[in-house]
Amino acid sequence: MAITRSDFHNKFNNGDIPSHSDFVEIFDNFVNRESDKADFQMIEIGTDNEHYVTPALLRSIFQNSGILSGNCYFPYKEYRDAFTGELINLEYEPIENSVKVFKNGQLLKQVEDYILNEKQGTIFFPDGGIADRNVEINYWHQNKDSVSGSFESMFGKASIPFKENFSGDTFNSDTITLQKKPLKYSARIYKNGQLLREDKDYTIVDGSNVITFAAPISNRNIEVDYWYEGPISLTDAQLNTKYVDLTTAQTIGGKKTFTENTESKGFIKTGGTANQYLMADGSVSTSAGSEYDAGHAGFGLLSFGNGGYQKFSNGLILQWAYLINGTNTYSFPLTWPNRALSVTLSTVRTSSGSRGFNHVANLTRTNYYAVIDGSTGYMFAIGY
């Protein structure tokens, strides 16, 4: 223990009668005093072997262990003054096992005194309900508000539980100034073990550490349990490597596997260029389309008489046209990015024509000279 244990064996040697001071020293060495107790800071550091953890502190740590990790759960209080009825609808869905219901300051038992539906956020009082009683409900709920407030990170800061005691032998006042500023709705104040009602028995201004009682209190033990804002946020270097912050830029290492669809406004490759595209297999292509697009996407179709074209992801292009001006110079529906590889012509006829027709000449990226045996015909070309 923190108190040095004296060797008092010699105080009883030879039948001596211990003095009053001897008994005080013995008592102090075997009865745990306030200085023996561990506080949350000692537990957080984890190096002290001389102090003990009180059941209240241990229960607080286990019951609210999720809060210590800085999650999105918040304490909340609701009041129903002079309540008459069977059903209370809570403002939020309570976290499992977090609800405490008081009737005129008396803690009620779940199932026996009330039935809780956590999914719907309702409390039902059987056997005719409650008539003209003050009801207080304390519980924790999940904060689903995406607004981060004034914290550096959307996750805010980790909350830390704290307890302060004021002895009835010395306390005589209508105010208490706490060591820390309690988080909103987190304070629980007990007078000789009785839970006091906020805004009835005491008031505390948000953002303040001063508690004001409705009337001066004396000769009563006061205990104040509350949570305060811790010093750690996700902007700290240690936590910044363990969590993904959805609002700030981060560098994420390691392989990440997503089991659901992933959407993005754009793909950015380090050192990439504007004409690169991410393929389904993870590779990068400079083609504007995919193999699927080539077989399923619509093709370019011009007005009748001018034909159309189809682009493939590998750069290959097909072009076709209906020729209506006989032997003449025609324009390709699409200018070849590089050149045409093959151009085929045919003549529209109902009978055999002259031999030696259906030729192409003067081939460029934009035009070609078609020789056909009639006034109309067809063109089909392959290029890239």
Foldseek 3Di string as FASTA:
>chain_A
DPDDADDCVVQCPPNHDHDPVSVVSVCPNPDDDPVQADWPVCVVVPDDDRHDHDPVRVCVCVVPVVLQVLAQKDKDKDKDAQDADFKDADPAQFDPPFKWKAWQQHTDDEPVQWDADSVRRMIGGPDRHDGGIMMMIIGMHGDPDQDQPPAPASSRFRKDKGKDKDALVPAKFQKDADPAQFAPNFKWKAWQRGTDDEPQQWHDDHPGRMIGGPDIDHSIMMMIIGIHGDDDDCVDPVNVQPDDGPPDDDDHDDDDDDPDDDDDPDDDDVVDDPQWDQDPVRDIDSFPDDQVCQVPPDWAADDAQQWTKGAGRVGKIKFKGKAQAAFFKDWTSDQRPPFWDDKWKAFDDPDDFDPPAFDWDPGDSTMITTTYRDRIIMMITMDD
